[in-house]
Amino acid sequence: MAEIAAQPFAFAFKRETTALIVIDMQRDFAEPGGFGASLGNDVSRVTAIVPTVKRLIEGFRAAGLPVIHTMECHRPDLSDLPPAKRDRGNPSVRIG
């Protein structure tokens, strides 16, 4: 059993069943001028977590633990984009 120092108590885990999954940490959601900002979101709230996620990824890699990244993406012609997602929001800032 491995252990990570944490608050309010240490976190124990089995190395062989542990991985870090990082979901949608894409620049387009977090940077000024990107898709997230174009929707009117305060992207500073997203960017605030980036250094912490970076340290977590580095720690997992240094420990030899798997890091899995996911991101949303679609075919160039958007043929795999569900209509409900395509049609939501202001037409000037929709996906595609």
PDB file of N, CA and C in Angstrom:
ATOM      1  N   MET A   1       0.844  -1.174   0.000  1.00  0.00           N
ATOM      2  CA  MET A   1       0.000   0.000   0.000  1.00  0.00           C
ATOM      3  C   MET A   1       0.893   1.242   0.000  1.00  0.00           C
ATOM      4  N   ALA A   2       0.629   2.152  -0.905  1.00  0.00           N
ATOM      5  CA  ALA A   2       1.349   3.423  -0.942  1.00  0.00           C
ATOM      6  C   ALA A   2       0.492   4.476  -0.243  1.00  0.00           C
ATOM      7  N   GLU A   3       1.112   5.608   0.072  1.00  0.00           N
ATOM      8  CA  GLU A   3       0.385   6.636   0.795  1.00  0.00           C
ATOM      9  C   GLU A   3       0.802   8.020   0.304  1.00  0.00           C
ATOM     10  N   ILE A   4      -0.166   8.916   0.219  1.00  0.00           N
ATOM     11  CA  ILE A   4       0.074  10.307  -0.158  1.00  0.00           C
ATOM     12  C   ILE A   4      -0.287  11.170   1.045  1.00  0.00           C
ATOM     13  N   ALA A   5       0.625  12.075   1.396  1.00  0.00           N
ATOM     14  CA  ALA A   5       0.325  13.015   2.480  1.00  0.00           C
ATOM     15  C   ALA A   5      -0.801  13.924   2.011  1.00  0.00           C
ATOM     16  N   ALA A   6      -1.852  14.022   2.780  1.00  0.00           N
ATOM     17  CA  ALA A   6      -3.015  14.833   2.410  1.00  0.00           C
ATOM     18  C   ALA A   6      -3.709  15.314   3.669  1.00  0.00           C
ATOM     19  N   GLN A   7      -4.610  16.235   3.502  1.00  0.00           N
ATOM     20  CA  GLN A   7      -5.411  16.753   4.614  1.00  0.00           C
ATOM     21  C   GLN A   7      -6.862  16.372   4.400  1.00  0.00           C
ATOM     22  N   PRO A   8      -7.602  15.942   5.359  1.00  0.00           N
ATOM     23  CA  PRO A   8      -7.259  15.942   6.779  1.00  0.00           C
ATOM     24  C   PRO A   8      -6.486  14.708   7.231  1.00  0.00           C
ATOM     25  N   PHE A   9      -6.253  13.744   6.323  1.00  0.00           N
ATOM     26  CA  PHE A   9      -5.473  12.564   6.687  1.00  0.00           C
ATOM     27  C   PHE A   9      -4.797  12.019   5.434  1.00  0.00           C
ATOM     28  N   ALA A  10      -3.794  11.197   5.634  1.00  0.00           N
ATOM     29  CA  ALA A  10      -3.071  10.600   4.505  1.00  0.00           C
ATOM     30  C   ALA A  10      -4.009   9.713   3.689  1.00  0.00           C
ATOM     31  N   PHE A  11      -3.737   9.628   2.392  1.00  0.00           N
ATOM     32  CA  PHE A  11      -4.549   8.822   1.484  1.00  0.00           C
ATOM     33  C   PHE A  11      -3.761   7.577   1.096  1.00  0.00           C
ATOM     34  N   ALA A  12      -4.258   6.413   1.457  1.00  0.00           N
ATOM     35  CA  ALA A  12      -3.604   5.141   1.120  1.00  0.00           C
ATOM     36  C   ALA A  12      -4.230   4.571  -0.151  1.00  0.00           C
ATOM     37  N   PHE A  13      -3.403   3.979  -1.011  1.00  0.00           N
ATOM     38  CA  PHE A  13      -3.897   3.421  -2.265  1.00  0.00           C
ATOM     39  C   PHE A  13      -3.003   2.284  -2.735  1.00  0.00           C
ATOM     40  N   LYS A  14      -3.556   1.455  -3.600  1.00  0.00           N
ATOM     41  CA  LYS A  14      -2.793   0.364  -4.208  1.00  0.00           C
ATOM     42  C   LYS A  14      -2.220   0.866  -5.531  1.00  0.00           C
ATOM     43  N   ARG A  15      -0.921   0.840  -5.675  1.00  0.00           N
ATOM     44  CA  ARG A  15      -0.265   1.334  -6.895  1.00  0.00           C
ATOM     45  C   ARG A  15      -0.790   0.621  -8.155  1.00  0.00           C
ATOM     46  N   GLU A  16      -1.026  -0.688  -8.040  1.00  0.00           N
ATOM     47  CA  GLU A  16      -1.404  -1.464  -9.221  1.00  0.00           C
ATOM     48  C   GLU A  16      -2.827  -1.176  -9.716  1.00  0.00           C
ATOM     49  N   THR A  17      -3.615  -0.469  -8.929  1.00  0.00           N
ATOM     50  CA  THR A  17      -4.993  -0.152  -9.347  1.00  0.00           C
ATOM     51  C   THR A  17      -5.241   1.355  -9.384  1.00  0.00           C
ATOM     52  N   THR A  18      -4.172   2.132  -9.496  1.00  0.00           N
ATOM     53  CA  THR A  18      -4.298   3.585  -9.436  1.00  0.00           C
ATOM     54  C   THR A  18      -3.785   4.232 -10.718  1.00  0.00           C
ATOM     55  N   ALA A  19      -4.539   5.195 -11.211  1.00  0.00           N
ATOM     56  CA  ALA A  19      -4.125   6.015 -12.349  1.00  0.00           C
ATOM     57  C   ALA A  19      -4.707   7.408 -12.143  1.00  0.00           C
ATOM     58  N   LEU A  20      -4.069   8.384 -12.727  1.00  0.00           N
ATOM     59  CA  LEU A  20      -4.587   9.751 -12.726  1.00  0.00           C
ATOM     60  C   LEU A  20      -5.289   9.972 -14.058  1.00  0.00           C
ATOM     61  N   ILE A  21      -6.523  10.427 -14.019  1.00  0.00           N
ATOM     62  CA  ILE A  21      -7.269  10.730 -15.242  1.00  0.00           C
ATOM     63  C   ILE A  21      -7.490  12.237 -15.290  1.00  0.00           C
ATOM     64  N   VAL A  22      -6.952  12.877 -16.313  1.00  0.00           N
ATOM     65  CA  VAL A  22      -7.058  14.324 -16.486  1.00  0.00           C
ATOM     66  C   VAL A  22      -8.041  14.570 -17.616  1.00  0.00           C
ATOM     67  N   ILE A  23      -9.141  15.252 -17.299  1.00  0.00           N
ATOM     68  CA  ILE A  23     -10.230  15.420 -18.256  1.00  0.00           C
ATOM     69  C   ILE A  23     -10.327  16.859 -18.740  1.00  0.00           C
ATOM     70  N   ASP A  24     -10.291  17.036 -20.063  1.00  0.00           N
ATOM     71  CA  ASP A  24     -10.551  18.327 -20.706  1.00  0.00           C
ATOM     72  C   ASP A  24      -9.686  19.479 -20.220  1.00  0.00           C
ATOM     73  N   MET A  25      -8.408  19.251 -19.981  1.00  0.00           N
ATOM     74  CA  MET A  25      -7.503  20.353 -19.637  1.00  0.00           C
ATOM     75  C   MET A  25      -6.944  20.922 -20.949  1.00  0.00           C
ATOM     76  N   GLN A  26      -7.838  21.526 -21.711  1.00  0.00           N
ATOM     77  CA  GLN A  26      -7.476  22.056 -23.012  1.00  0.00           C
ATOM     78  C   GLN A  26      -7.349  23.577 -22.947  1.00  0.00           C
ATOM     79  N   ARG A  27      -6.368  24.096 -23.644  1.00  0.00           N
ATOM     80  CA  ARG A  27      -6.120  25.531 -23.645  1.00  0.00           C
ATOM     81  C   ARG A  27      -7.343  26.315 -24.108  1.00  0.00           C
ATOM     82  N   ASP A  28      -8.108  25.769 -25.015  1.00  0.00           N
ATOM     83  CA  ASP A  28      -9.261  26.478 -25.567  1.00  0.00           C
ATOM     84  C   ASP A  28     -10.313  26.769 -24.500  1.00  0.00           C
ATOM     85  N   PHE A  29     -10.357  25.974 -23.446  1.00  0.00           N
ATOM     86  CA  PHE A  29     -11.313  26.203 -22.367  1.00  0.00           C
ATOM     87  C   PHE A  29     -10.772  27.175 -21.320  1.00  0.00           C
ATOM     88  N   ALA A  30      -9.445  27.322 -21.249  1.00  0.00           N
ATOM     89  CA  ALA A  30      -8.835  28.018 -20.127  1.00  0.00           C
ATOM     90  C   ALA A  30      -8.181  29.356 -20.455  1.00  0.00           C
ATOM     91  N   GLU A  31      -7.891  29.620 -21.705  1.00  0.00           N
ATOM     92  CA  GLU A  31      -7.151  30.839 -22.032  1.00  0.00           C
ATOM     93  C   GLU A  31      -8.057  31.968 -22.489  1.00  0.00           C
ATOM     94  N   PRO A  32      -7.686  33.198 -22.155  1.00  0.00           N
ATOM     95  CA  PRO A  32      -8.433  34.351 -22.666  1.00  0.00           C
ATOM     96  C   PRO A  32      -8.495  34.293 -24.196  1.00  0.00           C
ATOM     97  N   GLY A  33      -9.660  34.560 -24.752  1.00  0.00           N
ATOM     98  CA  GLY A  33      -9.840  34.511 -26.200  1.00  0.00           C
ATOM     99  C   GLY A  33     -10.233  33.157 -26.730  1.00  0.00           C
ATOM    100  N   GLY A  34     -10.203  32.127 -25.890  1.00  0.00           N
ATOM    101  CA  GLY A  34     -10.572  30.787 -26.324  1.00  0.00           C
ATOM    102  C   GLY A  34     -12.078  30.569 -26.259  1.00  0.00           C
ATOM    103  N   PHE A  35     -12.492  29.328 -26.548  1.00  0.00           N
ATOM    104  CA  PHE A  35     -13.909  28.998 -26.586  1.00  0.00           C
ATOM    105  C   PHE A  35     -14.582  29.262 -25.243  1.00  0.00           C
ATOM    106  N   GLY A  36     -13.938  28.887 -24.143  1.00  0.00           N
ATOM    107  CA  GLY A  36     -14.526  29.106 -22.822  1.00  0.00           C
ATOM    108  C   GLY A  36     -14.805  30.579 -22.556  1.00  0.00           C
ATOM    109  N   ALA A  37     -13.845  31.438 -22.892  1.00  0.00           N
ATOM    110  CA  ALA A  37     -14.033  32.880 -22.701  1.00  0.00           C
ATOM    111  C   ALA A  37     -15.102  33.427 -23.630  1.00  0.00           C
ATOM    112  N   SER A  38     -15.187  32.872 -24.846  1.00  0.00           N
ATOM    113  CA  SER A  38     -16.184  33.370 -25.801  1.00  0.00           C
ATOM    114  C   SER A  38     -17.609  33.093 -25.337  1.00  0.00           C
ATOM    115  N   LEU A  39     -17.771  32.133 -24.440  1.00  0.00           N
ATOM    116  CA  LEU A  39     -19.085  31.836 -23.868  1.00  0.00           C
ATOM    117  C   LEU A  39     -19.410  32.753 -22.694  1.00  0.00           C
ATOM    118  N   GLY A  40     -18.458  33.609 -22.328  1.00  0.00           N
ATOM    119  CA  GLY A  40     -18.659  34.507 -21.206  1.00  0.00           C
ATOM    120  C   GLY A  40     -18.159  33.961 -19.890  1.00  0.00           C
ATOM    121  N   ASN A  41     -17.445  32.840 -19.937  1.00  0.00           N
ATOM    122  CA  ASN A  41     -16.922  32.236 -18.709  1.00  0.00           C
ATOM    123  C   ASN A  41     -15.718  33.012 -18.186  1.00  0.00           C
ATOM    124  N   ASP A  42     -15.575  33.053 -16.871  1.00  0.00           N
ATOM    125  CA  ASP A  42     -14.402  33.629 -16.234  1.00  0.00           C
ATOM    126  C   ASP A  42     -13.315  32.565 -16.248  1.00  0.00           C
ATOM    127  N   VAL A  43     -12.450  32.593 -17.267  1.00  0.00           N
ATOM    128  CA  VAL A  43     -11.452  31.528 -17.417  1.00  0.00           C
ATOM    129  C   VAL A  43     -10.353  31.591 -16.364  1.00  0.00           C
ATOM    130  N   SER A  44     -10.258  32.680 -15.627  1.00  0.00           N
ATOM    131  CA  SER A  44      -9.253  32.749 -14.559  1.00  0.00           C
ATOM    132  C   SER A  44      -9.542  31.692 -13.489  1.00  0.00           C
ATOM    133  N   ARG A  45     -10.785  31.313 -13.346  1.00  0.00           N
ATOM    134  CA  ARG A  45     -11.142  30.272 -12.377  1.00  0.00           C
ATOM    135  C   ARG A  45     -10.633  28.912 -12.847  1.00  0.00           C
ATOM    136  N   VAL A  46     -10.563  28.705 -14.149  1.00  0.00           N
ATOM    137  CA  VAL A  46     -10.046  27.450 -14.700  1.00  0.00           C
ATOM    138  C   VAL A  46      -8.527  27.446 -14.624  1.00  0.00           C
ATOM    139  N   THR A  47      -7.893  28.538 -15.046  1.00  0.00           N
ATOM    140  CA  THR A  47      -6.429  28.580 -15.083  1.00  0.00           C
ATOM    141  C   THR A  47      -5.825  28.488 -13.687  1.00  0.00           C
ATOM    142  N   ALA A  48      -6.571  28.846 -12.659  1.00  0.00           N
ATOM    143  CA  ALA A  48      -6.040  28.786 -11.296  1.00  0.00           C
ATOM    144  C   ALA A  48      -5.645  27.367 -10.889  1.00  0.00           C
ATOM    145  N   ILE A  49      -6.291  26.353 -11.436  1.00  0.00           N
ATOM    146  CA  ILE A  49      -6.010  24.977 -11.047  1.00  0.00           C
ATOM    147  C   ILE A  49      -4.851  24.360 -11.854  1.00  0.00           C
ATOM    148  N   VAL A  50      -4.467  24.994 -12.954  1.00  0.00           N
ATOM    149  CA  VAL A  50      -3.467  24.403 -13.856  1.00  0.00           C
ATOM    150  C   VAL A  50      -2.146  24.076 -13.149  1.00  0.00           C
ATOM    151  N   PRO A  51      -1.544  24.970 -12.345  1.00  0.00           N
ATOM    152  CA  PRO A  51      -0.283  24.601 -11.680  1.00  0.00           C
ATOM    153  C   PRO A  51      -0.427  23.384 -10.758  1.00  0.00           C
ATOM    154  N   THR A  52      -1.569  23.252 -10.107  1.00  0.00           N
ATOM    155  CA  THR A  52      -1.794  22.105  -9.223  1.00  0.00           C
ATOM    156  C   THR A  52      -1.902  20.811 -10.030  1.00  0.00           C
ATOM    157  N   VAL A  53      -2.621  20.856 -11.142  1.00  0.00           N
ATOM    158  CA  VAL A  53      -2.740  19.672 -12.001  1.00  0.00           C
ATOM    159  C   VAL A  53      -1.373  19.304 -12.575  1.00  0.00           C
ATOM    160  N   LYS A  54      -0.596  20.306 -12.949  1.00  0.00           N
ATOM    161  CA  LYS A  54       0.760  20.060 -13.474  1.00  0.00           C
ATOM    162  C   LYS A  54       1.615  19.325 -12.440  1.00  0.00           C
ATOM    163  N   ARG A  55       1.590  19.788 -11.200  1.00  0.00           N
ATOM    164  CA  ARG A  55       2.371  19.123 -10.145  1.00  0.00           C
ATOM    165  C   ARG A  55       1.879  17.702  -9.909  1.00  0.00           C
ATOM    166  N   LEU A  56       0.578  17.509  -9.964  1.00  0.00           N
ATOM    167  CA  LEU A  56       0.011  16.169  -9.771  1.00  0.00           C
ATOM    168  C   LEU A  56       0.466  15.227 -10.889  1.00  0.00           C
ATOM    169  N   ILE A  57       0.408  15.689 -12.137  1.00  0.00           N
ATOM    170  CA  ILE A  57       0.875  14.876 -13.273  1.00  0.00           C
ATOM    171  C   ILE A  57       2.352  14.538 -13.102  1.00  0.00           C
ATOM    172  N   GLU A  58       3.159  15.535 -12.759  1.00  0.00           N
ATOM    173  CA  GLU A  58       4.601  15.298 -12.569  1.00  0.00           C
ATOM    174  C   GLU A  58       4.852  14.280 -11.461  1.00  0.00           C
ATOM    175  N   GLY A  59       4.083  14.372 -10.378  1.00  0.00           N
ATOM    176  CA  GLY A  59       4.239  13.424  -9.274  1.00  0.00           C
ATOM    177  C   GLY A  59       3.876  12.005  -9.680  1.00  0.00           C
ATOM    178  N   PHE A  60       2.783  11.853 -10.414  1.00  0.00           N
ATOM    179  CA  PHE A  60       2.387  10.522 -10.889  1.00  0.00           C
ATOM    180  C   PHE A  60       3.451   9.947 -11.815  1.00  0.00           C
ATOM    181  N   ARG A  61       3.945  10.763 -12.734  1.00  0.00           N
ATOM    182  CA  ARG A  61       4.976  10.275 -13.664  1.00  0.00           C
ATOM    183  C   ARG A  61       6.256   9.902 -12.928  1.00  0.00           C
ATOM    184  N   ALA A  62       6.658  10.735 -11.978  1.00  0.00           N
ATOM    185  CA  ALA A  62       7.877  10.451 -11.205  1.00  0.00           C
ATOM    186  C   ALA A  62       7.730   9.145 -10.422  1.00  0.00           C
ATOM    187  N   ALA A  63       6.514   8.846  -9.991  1.00  0.00           N
ATOM    188  CA  ALA A  63       6.261   7.611  -9.239  1.00  0.00           C
ATOM    189  C   ALA A  63       6.030   6.412 -10.154  1.00  0.00           C
ATOM    190  N   GLY A  64       6.046   6.636 -11.474  1.00  0.00           N
ATOM    191  CA  GLY A  64       5.832   5.539 -12.416  1.00  0.00           C
ATOM    192  C   GLY A  64       4.380   5.109 -12.517  1.00  0.00           C
ATOM    193  N   LEU A  65       3.457   5.985 -12.124  1.00  0.00           N
ATOM    194  CA  LEU A  65       2.026   5.668 -12.193  1.00  0.00           C
ATOM    195  C   LEU A  65       1.439   6.203 -13.501  1.00  0.00           C
ATOM    196  N   PRO A  66       0.426   5.539 -14.034  1.00  0.00           N
ATOM    197  CA  PRO A  66      -0.140   5.964 -15.312  1.00  0.00           C
ATOM    198  C   PRO A  66      -0.907   7.283 -15.216  1.00  0.00           C
ATOM    199  N   VAL A  67      -0.766   8.080 -16.278  1.00  0.00           N
ATOM    200  CA  VAL A  67      -1.518   9.323 -16.435  1.00  0.00           C
ATOM    201  C   VAL A  67      -2.307   9.201 -17.729  1.00  0.00           C
ATOM    202  N   ILE A  68      -3.608   9.379 -17.640  1.00  0.00           N
ATOM    203  CA  ILE A  68      -4.494   9.250 -18.796  1.00  0.00           C
ATOM    204  C   ILE A  68      -5.134  10.611 -19.056  1.00  0.00           C
ATOM    205  N   HIS A  69      -5.028  11.081 -20.291  1.00  0.00           N
ATOM    206  CA  HIS A  69      -5.626  12.364 -20.665  1.00  0.00           C
ATOM    207  C   HIS A  69      -6.827  12.104 -21.569  1.00  0.00           C
ATOM    208  N   THR A  70      -7.892  12.853 -21.359  1.00  0.00           N
ATOM    209  CA  THR A  70      -9.030  12.801 -22.273  1.00  0.00           C
ATOM    210  C   THR A  70      -9.276  14.204 -22.799  1.00  0.00           C
ATOM    211  N   MET A  71      -9.874  14.282 -23.957  1.00  0.00           N
ATOM    212  CA  MET A  71     -10.302  15.568 -24.484  1.00  0.00           C
ATOM    213  C   MET A  71     -11.442  15.338 -25.462  1.00  0.00           C
ATOM    214  N   GLU A  72     -12.279  16.323 -25.549  1.00  0.00           N
ATOM    215  CA  GLU A  72     -13.379  16.238 -26.504  1.00  0.00           C
ATOM    216  C   GLU A  72     -12.871  16.710 -27.857  1.00  0.00           C
ATOM    217  N   CYS A  73     -13.157  15.948 -28.863  1.00  0.00           N
ATOM    218  CA  CYS A  73     -12.797  16.369 -30.219  1.00  0.00           C
ATOM    219  C   CYS A  73     -13.785  15.718 -31.186  1.00  0.00           C
ATOM    220  N   HIS A  74     -13.849  16.285 -32.354  1.00  0.00           N
ATOM    221  CA  HIS A  74     -14.791  15.811 -33.357  1.00  0.00           C
ATOM    222  C   HIS A  74     -14.115  15.746 -34.718  1.00  0.00           C
ATOM    223  N   ARG A  75     -14.729  15.014 -35.606  1.00  0.00           N
ATOM    224  CA  ARG A  75     -14.235  14.946 -36.981  1.00  0.00           C
ATOM    225  C   ARG A  75     -14.282  16.352 -37.597  1.00  0.00           C
ATOM    226  N   PRO A  76     -13.391  16.631 -38.552  1.00  0.00           N
ATOM    227  CA  PRO A  76     -13.375  17.968 -39.159  1.00  0.00           C
ATOM    228  C   PRO A  76     -14.731  18.417 -39.718  1.00  0.00           C
ATOM    229  N   ASP A  77     -15.525  17.475 -40.232  1.00  0.00           N
ATOM    230  CA  ASP A  77     -16.832  17.856 -40.793  1.00  0.00           C
ATOM    231  C   ASP A  77     -17.943  17.850 -39.742  1.00  0.00           C
ATOM    232  N   LEU A  78     -17.582  17.565 -38.477  1.00  0.00           N
ATOM    233  CA  LEU A  78     -18.507  17.540 -37.339  1.00  0.00           C
ATOM    234  C   LEU A  78     -19.631  16.512 -37.495  1.00  0.00           C
ATOM    235  N   SER A  79     -19.431  15.520 -38.337  1.00  0.00           N
ATOM    236  CA  SER A  79     -20.469  14.502 -38.548  1.00  0.00           C
ATOM    237  C   SER A  79     -20.724  13.659 -37.300  1.00  0.00           C
ATOM    238  N   ASP A  80     -19.809  13.676 -36.350  1.00  0.00           N
ATOM    239  CA  ASP A  80     -19.987  12.920 -35.111  1.00  0.00           C
ATOM    240  C   ASP A  80     -20.441  13.803 -33.946  1.00  0.00           C
ATOM    241  N   LEU A  81     -20.776  15.045 -34.224  1.00  0.00           N
ATOM    242  CA  LEU A  81     -21.222  15.983 -33.198  1.00  0.00           C
ATOM    243  C   LEU A  81     -22.734  15.888 -33.029  1.00  0.00           C
ATOM    244  N   PRO A  82     -23.220  15.526 -31.838  1.00  0.00           N
ATOM    245  CA  PRO A  82     -24.668  15.417 -31.647  1.00  0.00           C
ATOM    246  C   PRO A  82     -25.365  16.763 -31.879  1.00  0.00           C
ATOM    247  N   PRO A  83     -26.514  16.765 -32.533  1.00  0.00           N
ATOM    248  CA  PRO A  83     -27.237  18.014 -32.802  1.00  0.00           C
ATOM    249  C   PRO A  83     -27.503  18.842 -31.544  1.00  0.00           C
ATOM    250  N   ALA A  84     -27.818  18.200 -30.436  1.00  0.00           N
ATOM    251  CA  ALA A  84     -28.097  18.946 -29.208  1.00  0.00           C
ATOM    252  C   ALA A  84     -26.883  19.765 -28.766  1.00  0.00           C
ATOM    253  N   LYS A  85     -25.702  19.237 -28.958  1.00  0.00           N
ATOM    254  CA  LYS A  85     -24.482  19.961 -28.599  1.00  0.00           C
ATOM    255  C   LYS A  85     -24.159  21.017 -29.658  1.00  0.00           C
ATOM    256  N   ARG A  86     -24.362  20.676 -30.916  1.00  0.00           N
ATOM    257  CA  ARG A  86     -24.082  21.597 -32.023  1.00  0.00           C
ATOM    258  C   ARG A  86     -24.950  22.849 -31.940  1.00  0.00           C
ATOM    259  N   ASP A  87     -26.217  22.688 -31.553  1.00  0.00           N
ATOM    260  CA  ASP A  87     -27.180  23.780 -31.625  1.00  0.00           C
ATOM    261  C   ASP A  87     -27.310  24.604 -30.348  1.00  0.00           C
ATOM    262  N   ARG A  88     -26.595  24.244 -29.312  1.00  0.00           N
ATOM    263  CA  ARG A  88     -26.743  25.005 -28.067  1.00  0.00           C
ATOM    264  C   ARG A  88     -25.903  26.285 -28.101  1.00  0.00           C
ATOM    265  N   GLY A  89     -26.363  27.278 -27.364  1.00  0.00           N
ATOM    266  CA  GLY A  89     -25.600  28.512 -27.228  1.00  0.00           C
ATOM    267  C   GLY A  89     -25.821  29.506 -28.352  1.00  0.00           C
ATOM    268  N   ASN A  90     -25.097  30.566 -28.254  1.00  0.00           N
ATOM    269  CA  ASN A  90     -25.132  31.653 -29.234  1.00  0.00           C
ATOM    270  C   ASN A  90     -24.522  31.149 -30.542  1.00  0.00           C
ATOM    271  N   PRO A  91     -25.194  31.332 -31.677  1.00  0.00           N
ATOM    272  CA  PRO A  91     -24.676  30.808 -32.963  1.00  0.00           C
ATOM    273  C   PRO A  91     -23.260  31.300 -33.296  1.00  0.00           C
ATOM    274  N   SER A  92     -22.879  32.466 -32.834  1.00  0.00           N
ATOM    275  CA  SER A  92     -21.550  32.977 -33.172  1.00  0.00           C
ATOM    276  C   SER A  92     -20.425  32.274 -32.409  1.00  0.00           C
ATOM    277  N   VAL A  93     -20.760  31.520 -31.345  1.00  0.00           N
ATOM    278  CA  VAL A  93     -19.722  30.851 -30.556  1.00  0.00           C
ATOM    279  C   VAL A  93     -19.950  29.335 -30.445  1.00  0.00           C
ATOM    280  N   ARG A  94     -20.750  28.787 -31.308  1.00  0.00           N
ATOM    281  CA  ARG A  94     -20.997  27.342 -31.266  1.00  0.00           C
ATOM    282  C   ARG A  94     -19.774  26.561 -31.732  1.00  0.00           C
ATOM    283  N   ILE A  95     -19.773  25.300 -31.378  1.00  0.00           N
ATOM    284  CA  ILE A  95     -18.703  24.402 -31.836  1.00  0.00           C
ATOM    285  C   ILE A  95     -18.730  24.365 -33.358  1.00  0.00           C
ATOM    286  N   GLY A  96     -17.557  24.455 -33.947  1.00  0.00           N
ATOM    287  CA  GLY A  96     -17.445  24.372 -35.393  1.00  0.00           C
ATOM    288  C   GLY A  96     -17.537  25.715 -36.064  1.00  0.00           C
TER     289      GLY A  96
END
